[in-house]
Amino acid sequence: MNRVLFVRHGETTWNRESRIQGWASTPLTGRGRDQARATGRLLRAAGVDRVVASDLQRARETARLLREGPQRSARYGEGGDAGRARGRGDEGGPGNEGPRGGGADAVGADAAGLDAPLSFDRAWRERDLGEFQGLDRSAVVCQRVTAGWESLRSAVDRETVAVVTHGGPLRAAVAAVTGLDVPTLAREWSPSNCGVTEVDVSGTPEVVRRDDTSHLE
């Protein structure tokens, strides 16, 4: 069966504080690591052949943990920036190798010029992100995710692929599959940490389940 299992990364320290993470190197919490391991057990039972992850730290750490265990046979690869969270111009790239726009390597919402810690979800609900200093506009992220989705879809060949990504790109991918408007989807759905969204790509792509967290209970 050709299918893609999207997984949002495990809980991070900044998730707990409702801070925009962008490209910051934010580690998983103990709960986030437990979520990743539980998701790994689900993916092994599902017969995942390949794991692709965003190149940001929290996604890489999640992917590493979900592949732990005696049945660790799935191939692993990084998906580059297609599944990357929306960045900020004053923030360093993956791993904070250096600033893209001359500012701090990793900054919080307050340091980015925002009045208070602001949730990633609220930013995604805004049609025009111009008020949020330094953030990629949603259209840019959607284009990046859609291109990555089409590339992945064409590469899936009688296999089950897990994609570890972020809330915004995950919604953009589901929007690309369903034809829904991203802001509308964002208003009704906030992806859970390590929630699983399954897309059947055997024919016309179809969302089979969305944000399944039963394995975390």
N, C-alpha and C. Protein backbone atom coordinates (compact mmCIF):
# COMPACT_ATOMS: atom_id res chain seq x y z
N MET A 1 0.84 -1.20 0.00
CA MET A 1 0.00 0.00 0.00
C MET A 1 0.87 1.24 0.00
N ASN A 2 0.55 2.19 -0.84
CA ASN A 2 1.26 3.46 -0.86
C ASN A 2 0.59 4.43 0.12
N ARG A 3 1.31 4.78 1.16
CA ARG A 3 0.73 5.72 2.12
C ARG A 3 1.82 6.53 2.81
N VAL A 4 1.41 7.71 3.27
CA VAL A 4 2.31 8.61 3.99
C VAL A 4 1.70 8.88 5.36
N LEU A 5 2.51 8.72 6.39
CA LEU A 5 2.08 8.99 7.76
C LEU A 5 2.81 10.24 8.24
N PHE A 6 2.08 11.35 8.33
CA PHE A 6 2.66 12.59 8.84
C PHE A 6 2.62 12.57 10.36
N VAL A 7 3.74 12.96 10.98
CA VAL A 7 3.84 13.01 12.44
C VAL A 7 4.38 14.37 12.84
N ARG A 8 3.63 15.08 13.68
CA ARG A 8 4.20 16.32 14.22
C ARG A 8 5.22 15.92 15.28
N HIS A 9 6.28 16.70 15.43
CA HIS A 9 7.34 16.40 16.41
C HIS A 9 6.78 16.33 17.83
N GLY A 10 7.55 15.72 18.73
CA GLY A 10 7.14 15.63 20.13
C GLY A 10 7.16 16.99 20.81
N GLU A 11 6.56 17.03 21.98
CA GLU A 11 6.48 18.29 22.73
C GLU A 11 7.87 18.85 23.03
N THR A 12 8.01 20.16 22.88
CA THR A 12 9.27 20.85 23.18
C THR A 12 9.08 21.80 24.36
N THR A 13 10.20 22.32 24.84
CA THR A 13 10.14 23.28 25.94
C THR A 13 9.38 24.53 25.52
N TRP A 14 9.52 24.94 24.27
CA TRP A 14 8.83 26.14 23.80
C TRP A 14 7.34 25.87 23.56
N ASN A 15 6.97 24.65 23.20
CA ASN A 15 5.55 24.32 23.09
C ASN A 15 4.84 24.60 24.41
N ARG A 16 5.49 24.25 25.50
CA ARG A 16 4.90 24.45 26.82
C ARG A 16 4.67 25.92 27.11
N GLU A 17 5.49 26.77 26.53
CA GLU A 17 5.39 28.21 26.77
C GLU A 17 4.62 28.93 25.67
N SER A 18 4.09 28.18 24.71
CA SER A 18 3.34 28.75 23.58
C SER A 18 4.17 29.80 22.83
N ARG A 19 5.44 29.48 22.62
CA ARG A 19 6.33 30.40 21.90
C ARG A 19 6.51 29.92 20.46
N ILE A 20 6.61 30.88 19.55
CA ILE A 20 6.91 30.56 18.16
C ILE A 20 8.32 29.99 18.10
N GLN A 21 8.49 28.85 17.46
CA GLN A 21 9.81 28.22 17.42
C GLN A 21 10.58 28.52 16.15
N GLY A 22 9.86 28.62 15.02
CA GLY A 22 10.58 28.89 13.78
C GLY A 22 11.71 27.90 13.59
N TRP A 23 12.91 28.43 13.32
CA TRP A 23 14.07 27.57 13.09
C TRP A 23 14.92 27.38 14.34
N ALA A 24 14.42 27.80 15.50
CA ALA A 24 15.20 27.68 16.73
C ALA A 24 15.46 26.22 17.07
N SER A 25 16.60 25.97 17.70
CA SER A 25 16.96 24.61 18.12
C SER A 25 16.35 24.34 19.49
N THR A 26 15.10 23.92 19.50
CA THR A 26 14.39 23.68 20.75
C THR A 26 14.34 22.18 21.03
N PRO A 27 14.78 21.75 22.22
CA PRO A 27 14.82 20.32 22.54
C PRO A 27 13.45 19.79 22.96
N LEU A 28 13.29 18.49 22.86
CA LEU A 28 12.07 17.85 23.34
C LEU A 28 12.08 17.81 24.87
N THR A 29 10.90 17.85 25.45
CA THR A 29 10.77 17.64 26.89
C THR A 29 10.77 16.13 27.16
N GLY A 30 10.78 15.75 28.44
CA GLY A 30 10.67 14.33 28.76
C GLY A 30 9.39 13.74 28.20
N ARG A 31 8.31 14.52 28.29
CA ARG A 31 7.05 14.06 27.72
C ARG A 31 7.16 13.90 26.22
N GLY A 32 7.84 14.85 25.57
CA GLY A 32 8.01 14.77 24.12
C GLY A 32 8.79 13.54 23.69
N ARG A 33 9.81 13.18 24.48
CA ARG A 33 10.58 11.98 24.16
C ARG A 33 9.73 10.72 24.33
N ASP A 34 8.90 10.71 25.38
CA ASP A 34 8.00 9.57 25.57
C ASP A 34 6.99 9.47 24.43
N GLN A 35 6.50 10.63 23.96
CA GLN A 35 5.56 10.64 22.83
C GLN A 35 6.21 10.05 21.59
N ALA A 36 7.47 10.42 21.36
CA ALA A 36 8.18 9.93 20.17
C ALA A 36 8.37 8.42 20.23
N ARG A 37 8.72 7.91 21.40
CA ARG A 37 8.92 6.45 21.53
C ARG A 37 7.61 5.70 21.33
N ALA A 38 6.52 6.24 21.88
CA ALA A 38 5.21 5.60 21.70
C ALA A 38 4.81 5.61 20.24
N THR A 39 5.11 6.70 19.55
CA THR A 39 4.80 6.79 18.12
C THR A 39 5.64 5.81 17.33
N GLY A 40 6.87 5.60 17.77
CA GLY A 40 7.73 4.62 17.12
C GLY A 40 7.14 3.22 17.16
N ARG A 41 6.56 2.87 18.29
CA ARG A 41 5.93 1.55 18.40
C ARG A 41 4.76 1.42 17.42
N LEU A 42 4.01 2.51 17.27
CA LEU A 42 2.89 2.51 16.32
C LEU A 42 3.40 2.36 14.88
N LEU A 43 4.46 3.09 14.55
CA LEU A 43 4.98 3.05 13.18
C LEU A 43 5.58 1.69 12.84
N ARG A 44 6.23 1.05 13.81
CA ARG A 44 6.76 -0.28 13.55
C ARG A 44 5.63 -1.26 13.29
N ALA A 45 4.55 -1.14 14.07
CA ALA A 45 3.39 -2.01 13.86
C ALA A 45 2.74 -1.75 12.51
N ALA A 46 2.86 -0.51 12.02
CA ALA A 46 2.27 -0.15 10.73
C ALA A 46 3.16 -0.56 9.56
N GLY A 47 4.36 -1.06 9.85
CA GLY A 47 5.26 -1.51 8.80
C GLY A 47 5.88 -0.39 8.00
N VAL A 48 6.28 0.69 8.69
CA VAL A 48 6.90 1.83 7.99
C VAL A 48 8.23 1.40 7.36
N ASP A 49 8.40 1.76 6.09
CA ASP A 49 9.62 1.41 5.36
C ASP A 49 10.68 2.50 5.40
N ARG A 50 10.21 3.74 5.53
CA ARG A 50 11.15 4.86 5.41
C ARG A 50 10.67 6.00 6.30
N VAL A 51 11.62 6.68 6.94
CA VAL A 51 11.31 7.84 7.77
C VAL A 51 12.02 9.05 7.20
N VAL A 52 11.26 10.10 6.92
CA VAL A 52 11.82 11.36 6.43
C VAL A 52 11.51 12.43 7.47
N ALA A 53 12.49 13.26 7.80
CA ALA A 53 12.27 14.27 8.83
C ALA A 53 12.71 15.64 8.37
N SER A 54 12.03 16.65 8.87
CA SER A 54 12.48 18.03 8.74
C SER A 54 13.90 18.10 9.31
N ASP A 55 14.70 19.04 8.82
CA ASP A 55 16.08 19.12 9.28
C ASP A 55 16.23 19.96 10.55
N LEU A 56 15.14 20.33 11.20
CA LEU A 56 15.23 21.07 12.45
C LEU A 56 15.40 20.10 13.62
N GLN A 57 16.06 20.58 14.67
CA GLN A 57 16.46 19.71 15.79
C GLN A 57 15.31 18.91 16.38
N ARG A 58 14.16 19.55 16.64
CA ARG A 58 13.08 18.85 17.32
C ARG A 58 12.50 17.72 16.47
N ALA A 59 12.52 17.90 15.15
CA ALA A 59 12.03 16.84 14.26
C ALA A 59 13.06 15.72 14.15
N ARG A 60 14.34 16.09 14.05
CA ARG A 60 15.39 15.06 13.98
C ARG A 60 15.41 14.22 15.25
N GLU A 61 15.27 14.88 16.41
CA GLU A 61 15.28 14.15 17.68
C GLU A 61 14.07 13.22 17.76
N THR A 62 12.92 13.69 17.32
CA THR A 62 11.72 12.85 17.31
C THR A 62 11.93 11.63 16.42
N ALA A 63 12.48 11.86 15.22
CA ALA A 63 12.70 10.76 14.28
C ALA A 63 13.68 9.73 14.85
N ARG A 64 14.72 10.22 15.51
CA ARG A 64 15.70 9.29 16.10
C ARG A 64 15.04 8.43 17.17
N LEU A 65 14.22 9.03 18.02
CA LEU A 65 13.59 8.29 19.11
C LEU A 65 12.53 7.32 18.61
N LEU A 66 11.79 7.71 17.60
CA LEU A 66 10.74 6.79 17.13
C LEU A 66 11.33 5.61 16.36
N ARG A 67 12.61 5.69 16.03
CA ARG A 67 13.26 4.56 15.36
C ARG A 67 14.00 3.66 16.33
N GLU A 68 13.96 3.95 17.63
CA GLU A 68 14.64 3.11 18.62
C GLU A 68 13.93 1.77 18.77
N GLY A 69 14.68 0.76 19.21
CA GLY A 69 14.06 -0.54 19.48
C GLY A 69 14.63 -1.64 18.62
N PRO A 70 14.31 -2.88 18.93
CA PRO A 70 14.87 -4.05 18.25
C PRO A 70 14.44 -4.18 16.80
N GLN A 71 13.32 -3.54 16.41
CA GLN A 71 12.84 -3.68 15.04
C GLN A 71 13.23 -2.47 14.19
N ARG A 72 14.32 -1.84 14.53
CA ARG A 72 14.74 -0.62 13.86
C ARG A 72 15.27 -0.95 12.46
N SER A 73 14.38 -0.99 11.50
CA SER A 73 14.77 -1.36 10.15
C SER A 73 14.43 -0.29 9.11
N ALA A 74 13.60 0.66 9.49
CA ALA A 74 13.19 1.68 8.52
C ALA A 74 14.37 2.55 8.12
N ARG A 75 14.45 2.88 6.84
CA ARG A 75 15.49 3.78 6.35
C ARG A 75 15.17 5.20 6.79
N TYR A 76 16.22 6.01 6.99
CA TYR A 76 16.03 7.37 7.49
C TYR A 76 16.68 8.37 6.54
N GLY A 77 16.02 9.51 6.38
CA GLY A 77 16.61 10.58 5.59
C GLY A 77 15.99 11.90 6.01
N GLU A 78 16.74 12.99 5.82
CA GLU A 78 16.20 14.31 6.13
C GLU A 78 15.52 14.89 4.91
N GLY A 79 14.40 15.55 5.15
CA GLY A 79 13.60 16.09 4.06
C GLY A 79 13.94 17.50 3.65
N GLY A 80 15.00 18.07 4.22
CA GLY A 80 15.36 19.44 3.86
C GLY A 80 14.33 20.43 4.36
N ASP A 81 14.22 21.57 3.66
CA ASP A 81 13.38 22.64 4.18
C ASP A 81 11.92 22.52 3.78
N ALA A 82 11.54 21.49 3.00
CA ALA A 82 10.14 21.37 2.58
C ALA A 82 9.22 21.17 3.77
N GLY A 83 9.69 20.44 4.78
CA GLY A 83 8.86 20.20 5.95
C GLY A 83 9.24 21.05 7.13
N ARG A 84 10.01 22.10 6.88
CA ARG A 84 10.52 22.96 7.93
C ARG A 84 9.46 23.94 8.39
N ALA A 85 9.49 24.27 9.67
CA ALA A 85 8.56 25.27 10.20
C ALA A 85 8.87 26.63 9.59
N ARG A 86 7.90 27.53 9.69
CA ARG A 86 8.12 28.86 9.15
C ARG A 86 9.25 29.53 9.91
N GLY A 87 10.19 30.12 9.18
CA GLY A 87 11.34 30.73 9.81
C GLY A 87 11.12 32.19 10.11
N ARG A 88 12.08 32.78 10.80
CA ARG A 88 12.08 34.21 11.03
C ARG A 88 13.39 34.74 10.48
N GLY A 89 13.35 35.90 9.89
CA GLY A 89 14.51 36.45 9.22
C GLY A 89 15.68 36.72 10.13
N ASP A 90 15.43 36.90 11.45
CA ASP A 90 16.52 37.21 12.36
C ASP A 90 17.03 35.99 13.10
N GLU A 91 16.64 34.82 12.61
CA GLU A 91 16.94 33.59 13.33
C GLU A 91 17.90 32.72 12.55
N GLY A 92 18.77 32.00 13.24
CA GLY A 92 19.68 31.10 12.56
C GLY A 92 18.97 29.96 11.89
N GLY A 93 19.67 29.30 10.97
CA GLY A 93 19.10 28.16 10.28
C GLY A 93 19.17 26.92 11.14
N PRO A 94 18.91 25.75 10.53
CA PRO A 94 18.91 24.50 11.27
C PRO A 94 20.18 24.32 12.08
N GLY A 95 20.01 23.97 13.35
CA GLY A 95 21.17 23.80 14.21
C GLY A 95 21.76 25.12 14.62
N ASN A 96 21.14 26.24 14.19
CA ASN A 96 21.64 27.58 14.48
C ASN A 96 23.09 27.74 14.05
N GLU A 97 23.38 27.32 12.82
CA GLU A 97 24.74 27.46 12.33
C GLU A 97 25.15 28.92 12.19
N GLY A 98 24.16 29.79 12.06
CA GLY A 98 24.47 31.20 11.95
C GLY A 98 23.23 31.96 11.57
N PRO A 99 23.16 33.25 11.87
CA PRO A 99 21.98 34.03 11.58
C PRO A 99 21.79 34.26 10.10
N ARG A 100 20.53 34.22 9.64
CA ARG A 100 20.23 34.50 8.25
C ARG A 100 20.15 35.98 8.00
N GLY A 101 19.73 36.74 9.02
CA GLY A 101 19.49 38.16 8.76
C GLY A 101 20.26 39.07 9.67
N GLY A 102 21.31 38.56 10.31
CA GLY A 102 22.17 39.41 11.11
C GLY A 102 21.77 39.53 12.57
N GLY A 103 20.72 38.81 13.01
CA GLY A 103 20.26 38.91 14.38
C GLY A 103 20.72 37.73 15.20
N ALA A 104 20.02 37.52 16.32
CA ALA A 104 20.37 36.43 17.21
C ALA A 104 20.11 35.09 16.55
N ASP A 105 20.86 34.08 16.97
CA ASP A 105 20.70 32.76 16.39
C ASP A 105 19.33 32.16 16.70
N ALA A 106 18.86 32.32 17.92
CA ALA A 106 17.56 31.75 18.29
C ALA A 106 16.91 32.70 19.28
N VAL A 107 15.78 33.25 18.93
CA VAL A 107 15.15 34.25 19.77
C VAL A 107 13.72 33.86 20.07
N GLY A 108 13.20 34.36 21.18
CA GLY A 108 11.81 34.12 21.54
C GLY A 108 10.92 35.15 20.89
N ALA A 109 9.61 35.00 21.08
CA ALA A 109 8.66 35.91 20.47
C ALA A 109 8.88 37.33 20.93
N ASP A 110 9.20 37.51 22.23
CA ASP A 110 9.39 38.86 22.74
C ASP A 110 10.62 39.50 22.12
N ALA A 111 11.70 38.74 21.94
CA ALA A 111 12.92 39.28 21.35
C ALA A 111 12.76 39.60 19.88
N ALA A 112 11.76 38.99 19.23
CA ALA A 112 11.53 39.24 17.81
C ALA A 112 10.68 40.47 17.59
N GLY A 113 10.37 41.19 18.66
CA GLY A 113 9.60 42.40 18.51
C GLY A 113 8.11 42.22 18.72
N LEU A 114 7.70 41.05 19.18
CA LEU A 114 6.29 40.80 19.44
C LEU A 114 6.00 41.18 20.89
N ASP A 115 4.76 41.55 21.16
CA ASP A 115 4.41 42.05 22.48
C ASP A 115 4.52 40.99 23.58
N ALA A 116 4.21 39.75 23.24
CA ALA A 116 4.20 38.68 24.24
C ALA A 116 4.40 37.36 23.53
N PRO A 117 4.74 36.29 24.26
CA PRO A 117 4.82 34.97 23.62
C PRO A 117 3.57 34.69 22.81
N LEU A 118 3.76 34.29 21.59
CA LEU A 118 2.65 34.14 20.65
C LEU A 118 2.64 32.73 20.11
N SER A 119 1.50 32.08 20.11
CA SER A 119 1.45 30.70 19.66
C SER A 119 1.65 30.60 18.16
N PHE A 120 2.33 29.53 17.74
CA PHE A 120 2.53 29.26 16.31
C PHE A 120 1.19 29.18 15.60
N ASP A 121 0.19 28.59 16.29
CA ASP A 121 -1.12 28.41 15.67
C ASP A 121 -1.78 29.74 15.37
N ARG A 122 -1.71 30.69 16.28
CA ARG A 122 -2.36 31.97 16.04
C ARG A 122 -1.75 32.66 14.82
N ALA A 123 -0.42 32.60 14.70
CA ALA A 123 0.23 33.22 13.55
C ALA A 123 -0.25 32.60 12.25
N TRP A 124 -0.44 31.28 12.26
CA TRP A 124 -0.89 30.60 11.05
C TRP A 124 -2.33 30.91 10.70
N ARG A 125 -3.12 31.35 11.69
CA ARG A 125 -4.52 31.66 11.42
C ARG A 125 -4.67 33.00 10.71
N GLU A 126 -3.62 33.81 10.73
CA GLU A 126 -3.69 35.13 10.10
C GLU A 126 -3.44 35.02 8.60
N ARG A 127 -4.31 35.63 7.82
CA ARG A 127 -4.14 35.60 6.37
C ARG A 127 -2.91 36.41 5.95
N ASP A 128 -2.70 37.53 6.59
CA ASP A 128 -1.56 38.38 6.25
C ASP A 128 -0.63 38.41 7.45
N LEU A 129 0.55 37.84 7.29
CA LEU A 129 1.47 37.72 8.42
C LEU A 129 2.41 38.91 8.53
N GLY A 130 2.12 39.98 7.79
CA GLY A 130 3.01 41.13 7.80
C GLY A 130 3.20 41.74 9.17
N GLU A 131 2.20 41.59 10.06
CA GLU A 131 2.31 42.20 11.38
C GLU A 131 3.29 41.44 12.26
N PHE A 132 3.66 40.23 11.89
CA PHE A 132 4.58 39.45 12.69
C PHE A 132 5.98 39.61 12.12
N GLN A 133 6.78 40.37 12.82
CA GLN A 133 8.10 40.77 12.32
C GLN A 133 8.98 39.58 11.94
N GLY A 134 9.47 39.59 10.70
CA GLY A 134 10.45 38.62 10.28
C GLY A 134 9.93 37.26 9.90
N LEU A 135 8.62 37.01 10.00
CA LEU A 135 8.09 35.68 9.69
C LEU A 135 7.92 35.50 8.19
N ASP A 136 8.25 34.29 7.70
CA ASP A 136 7.92 33.96 6.32
C ASP A 136 6.42 34.10 6.16
N ARG A 137 5.97 34.61 5.02
CA ARG A 137 4.53 34.70 4.78
C ARG A 137 3.98 33.30 4.50
N SER A 138 2.71 33.12 4.87
CA SER A 138 2.11 31.79 4.76
C SER A 138 2.16 31.26 3.34
N ALA A 139 2.01 32.15 2.33
CA ALA A 139 2.02 31.70 0.94
C ALA A 139 3.35 31.07 0.58
N VAL A 140 4.45 31.62 1.11
CA VAL A 140 5.78 31.08 0.83
C VAL A 140 5.91 29.68 1.42
N VAL A 141 5.45 29.52 2.66
CA VAL A 141 5.53 28.22 3.31
C VAL A 141 4.67 27.20 2.57
N CYS A 142 3.47 27.62 2.17
CA CYS A 142 2.57 26.71 1.45
C CYS A 142 3.19 26.25 0.14
N GLN A 143 3.83 27.16 -0.57
CA GLN A 143 4.48 26.79 -1.83
C GLN A 143 5.59 25.79 -1.58
N ARG A 144 6.37 26.03 -0.53
CA ARG A 144 7.48 25.14 -0.21
C ARG A 144 6.96 23.75 0.16
N VAL A 145 5.91 23.71 0.99
CA VAL A 145 5.36 22.43 1.43
C VAL A 145 4.70 21.69 0.28
N THR A 146 3.95 22.41 -0.56
CA THR A 146 3.27 21.77 -1.69
C THR A 146 4.28 21.14 -2.64
N ALA A 147 5.37 21.86 -2.91
CA ALA A 147 6.42 21.32 -3.79
C ALA A 147 7.04 20.07 -3.17
N GLY A 148 7.29 20.13 -1.85
CA GLY A 148 7.86 18.97 -1.17
C GLY A 148 6.90 17.79 -1.17
N TRP A 149 5.61 18.08 -1.00
CA TRP A 149 4.60 17.02 -1.00
C TRP A 149 4.53 16.33 -2.35
N GLU A 150 4.51 17.09 -3.43
CA GLU A 150 4.43 16.51 -4.77
C GLU A 150 5.66 15.65 -5.05
N SER A 151 6.82 16.12 -4.60
CA SER A 151 8.05 15.35 -4.80
C SER A 151 8.00 14.04 -4.02
N LEU A 152 7.55 14.10 -2.78
CA LEU A 152 7.45 12.90 -1.95
C LEU A 152 6.43 11.93 -2.52
N ARG A 153 5.29 12.46 -2.89
CA ARG A 153 4.21 11.61 -3.42
C ARG A 153 4.69 10.82 -4.64
N SER A 154 5.42 11.47 -5.53
CA SER A 154 5.89 10.79 -6.74
C SER A 154 6.96 9.75 -6.44
N ALA A 155 7.62 9.89 -5.27
CA ALA A 155 8.71 8.97 -4.92
C ALA A 155 8.24 7.76 -4.13
N VAL A 156 7.00 7.80 -3.62
CA VAL A 156 6.48 6.67 -2.83
C VAL A 156 6.13 5.53 -3.77
N ASP A 157 6.79 4.39 -3.59
CA ASP A 157 6.60 3.25 -4.48
C ASP A 157 6.29 1.99 -3.67
N ARG A 158 5.01 1.67 -3.52
CA ARG A 158 4.56 0.49 -2.78
C ARG A 158 5.22 0.41 -1.40
N GLU A 159 5.14 1.51 -0.68
CA GLU A 159 5.75 1.56 0.64
C GLU A 159 4.96 2.49 1.56
N THR A 160 5.30 2.41 2.84
CA THR A 160 4.72 3.30 3.84
C THR A 160 5.84 4.22 4.33
N VAL A 161 5.64 5.52 4.16
CA VAL A 161 6.66 6.51 4.52
C VAL A 161 6.14 7.37 5.66
N ALA A 162 6.96 7.55 6.70
CA ALA A 162 6.62 8.44 7.80
C ALA A 162 7.36 9.76 7.60
N VAL A 163 6.66 10.87 7.78
CA VAL A 163 7.26 12.20 7.64
C VAL A 163 7.12 12.93 8.96
N VAL A 164 8.24 13.24 9.60
CA VAL A 164 8.23 13.98 10.86
C VAL A 164 8.38 15.46 10.54
N THR A 165 7.37 16.24 10.90
CA THR A 165 7.35 17.64 10.49
C THR A 165 6.81 18.52 11.60
N HIS A 166 6.23 19.67 11.23
CA HIS A 166 5.77 20.68 12.18
C HIS A 166 4.31 21.03 11.91
N GLY A 167 3.68 21.71 12.85
CA GLY A 167 2.26 22.00 12.75
C GLY A 167 1.85 22.75 11.50
N GLY A 168 2.55 23.84 11.19
CA GLY A 168 2.20 24.64 10.02
C GLY A 168 2.35 23.88 8.71
N PRO A 169 3.52 23.30 8.45
CA PRO A 169 3.69 22.50 7.24
C PRO A 169 2.72 21.33 7.15
N LEU A 170 2.38 20.72 8.30
CA LEU A 170 1.44 19.61 8.30
C LEU A 170 0.07 20.07 7.82
N ARG A 171 -0.38 21.22 8.31
CA ARG A 171 -1.66 21.75 7.85
C ARG A 171 -1.60 22.11 6.37
N ALA A 172 -0.47 22.66 5.93
CA ALA A 172 -0.33 23.01 4.52
C ALA A 172 -0.39 21.77 3.64
N ALA A 173 0.21 20.67 4.11
CA ALA A 173 0.18 19.42 3.34
C ALA A 173 -1.24 18.87 3.25
N VAL A 174 -1.97 18.89 4.36
CA VAL A 174 -3.35 18.41 4.35
C VAL A 174 -4.21 19.30 3.46
N ALA A 175 -3.94 20.60 3.48
CA ALA A 175 -4.68 21.52 2.60
C ALA A 175 -4.42 21.19 1.14
N ALA A 176 -3.16 20.84 0.82
CA ALA A 176 -2.82 20.49 -0.56
C ALA A 176 -3.55 19.22 -1.00
N VAL A 177 -3.74 18.29 -0.08
CA VAL A 177 -4.42 17.03 -0.40
C VAL A 177 -5.93 17.23 -0.53
N THR A 178 -6.49 18.00 0.38
CA THR A 178 -7.96 18.12 0.46
C THR A 178 -8.52 19.30 -0.34
N GLY A 179 -7.66 20.26 -0.68
CA GLY A 179 -8.14 21.45 -1.38
C GLY A 179 -8.74 22.48 -0.45
N LEU A 180 -8.60 22.27 0.87
CA LEU A 180 -9.12 23.22 1.83
C LEU A 180 -8.24 24.46 1.90
N ASP A 181 -8.81 25.56 2.34
CA ASP A 181 -8.08 26.80 2.54
C ASP A 181 -7.28 26.69 3.83
N VAL A 182 -5.98 27.03 3.78
CA VAL A 182 -5.12 26.86 4.94
C VAL A 182 -5.60 27.65 6.16
N PRO A 183 -5.94 28.95 6.03
CA PRO A 183 -6.42 29.67 7.22
C PRO A 183 -7.66 29.04 7.84
N THR A 184 -8.57 28.55 7.00
CA THR A 184 -9.77 27.88 7.51
C THR A 184 -9.40 26.61 8.25
N LEU A 185 -8.49 25.83 7.67
CA LEU A 185 -8.03 24.60 8.31
C LEU A 185 -7.34 24.91 9.63
N ALA A 186 -6.57 25.99 9.65
CA ALA A 186 -5.84 26.36 10.86
C ALA A 186 -6.78 26.75 11.99
N ARG A 187 -7.89 27.38 11.64
CA ARG A 187 -8.85 27.77 12.67
C ARG A 187 -9.51 26.57 13.33
N GLU A 188 -9.67 25.48 12.58
CA GLU A 188 -10.39 24.33 13.13
C GLU A 188 -9.48 23.22 13.63
N TRP A 189 -8.17 23.32 13.36
CA TRP A 189 -7.29 22.20 13.71
C TRP A 189 -5.91 22.67 14.15
N SER A 190 -5.55 22.28 15.36
CA SER A 190 -4.21 22.51 15.88
C SER A 190 -3.56 21.15 16.06
N PRO A 191 -2.63 20.74 15.17
CA PRO A 191 -2.03 19.41 15.24
C PRO A 191 -1.39 19.12 16.61
N SER A 192 -1.63 17.94 17.10
CA SER A 192 -1.09 17.53 18.40
C SER A 192 0.35 17.06 18.25
N ASN A 193 1.13 17.21 19.30
CA ASN A 193 2.49 16.67 19.29
C ASN A 193 2.42 15.16 19.13
N CYS A 194 3.10 14.65 18.12
CA CYS A 194 3.14 13.23 17.77
C CYS A 194 1.78 12.67 17.36
N GLY A 195 0.86 13.55 16.96
CA GLY A 195 -0.37 13.08 16.34
C GLY A 195 -0.04 12.55 14.95
N VAL A 196 -0.75 11.52 14.51
CA VAL A 196 -0.47 10.88 13.22
C VAL A 196 -1.60 11.18 12.24
N THR A 197 -1.23 11.69 11.07
CA THR A 197 -2.18 11.94 9.98
C THR A 197 -1.79 11.06 8.81
N GLU A 198 -2.70 10.20 8.39
CA GLU A 198 -2.42 9.23 7.33
C GLU A 198 -3.04 9.65 6.00
N VAL A 199 -2.23 9.61 4.95
CA VAL A 199 -2.70 9.92 3.60
C VAL A 199 -2.44 8.72 2.70
N ASP A 200 -3.49 8.20 2.10
CA ASP A 200 -3.38 7.10 1.13
C ASP A 200 -3.06 7.70 -0.23
N VAL A 201 -1.93 7.30 -0.80
CA VAL A 201 -1.52 7.83 -2.10
C VAL A 201 -1.52 6.75 -3.16
N SER A 202 -2.30 5.69 -2.95
CA SER A 202 -2.39 4.61 -3.94
C SER A 202 -3.00 5.11 -5.24
N GLY A 203 -3.93 6.03 -5.13
CA GLY A 203 -4.56 6.65 -6.30
C GLY A 203 -4.61 8.13 -6.08
N THR A 204 -5.81 8.71 -6.14
CA THR A 204 -5.96 10.11 -5.77
C THR A 204 -5.72 10.23 -4.28
N PRO A 205 -4.79 11.09 -3.84
CA PRO A 205 -4.48 11.19 -2.41
C PRO A 205 -5.73 11.45 -1.57
N GLU A 206 -5.82 10.74 -0.45
CA GLU A 206 -6.98 10.86 0.43
C GLU A 206 -6.53 10.78 1.88
N VAL A 207 -7.01 11.72 2.70
CA VAL A 207 -6.70 11.70 4.12
C VAL A 207 -7.56 10.63 4.78
N VAL A 208 -6.91 9.59 5.31
CA VAL A 208 -7.61 8.46 5.93
C VAL A 208 -7.91 8.74 7.40
N ARG A 209 -6.96 9.35 8.08
CA ARG A 209 -7.17 9.75 9.48
C ARG A 209 -6.33 10.99 9.73
N ARG A 210 -6.82 11.81 10.66
CA ARG A 210 -6.15 13.08 10.93
C ARG A 210 -5.90 13.23 12.42
N ASP A 211 -4.65 13.47 12.75
CA ASP A 211 -4.26 13.78 14.13
C ASP A 211 -4.66 12.69 15.12
N ASP A 212 -4.38 11.45 14.77
CA ASP A 212 -4.67 10.32 15.64
C ASP A 212 -3.67 10.29 16.80
N THR A 213 -4.15 10.38 18.02
CA THR A 213 -3.27 10.34 19.20
C THR A 213 -3.60 9.16 20.12
N SER A 214 -4.35 8.19 19.62
CA SER A 214 -4.76 7.06 20.46
C SER A 214 -3.56 6.28 20.99
N HIS A 215 -2.44 6.29 20.26
CA HIS A 215 -1.26 5.56 20.70
C HIS A 215 -0.56 6.24 21.88
N LEU A 216 -0.94 7.47 22.18
CA LEU A 216 -0.32 8.20 23.28
C LEU A 216 -1.09 8.07 24.58
N GLU A 217 -2.24 7.43 24.54
CA GLU A 217 -3.11 7.33 25.72
C GLU A 217 -2.63 6.24 26.66
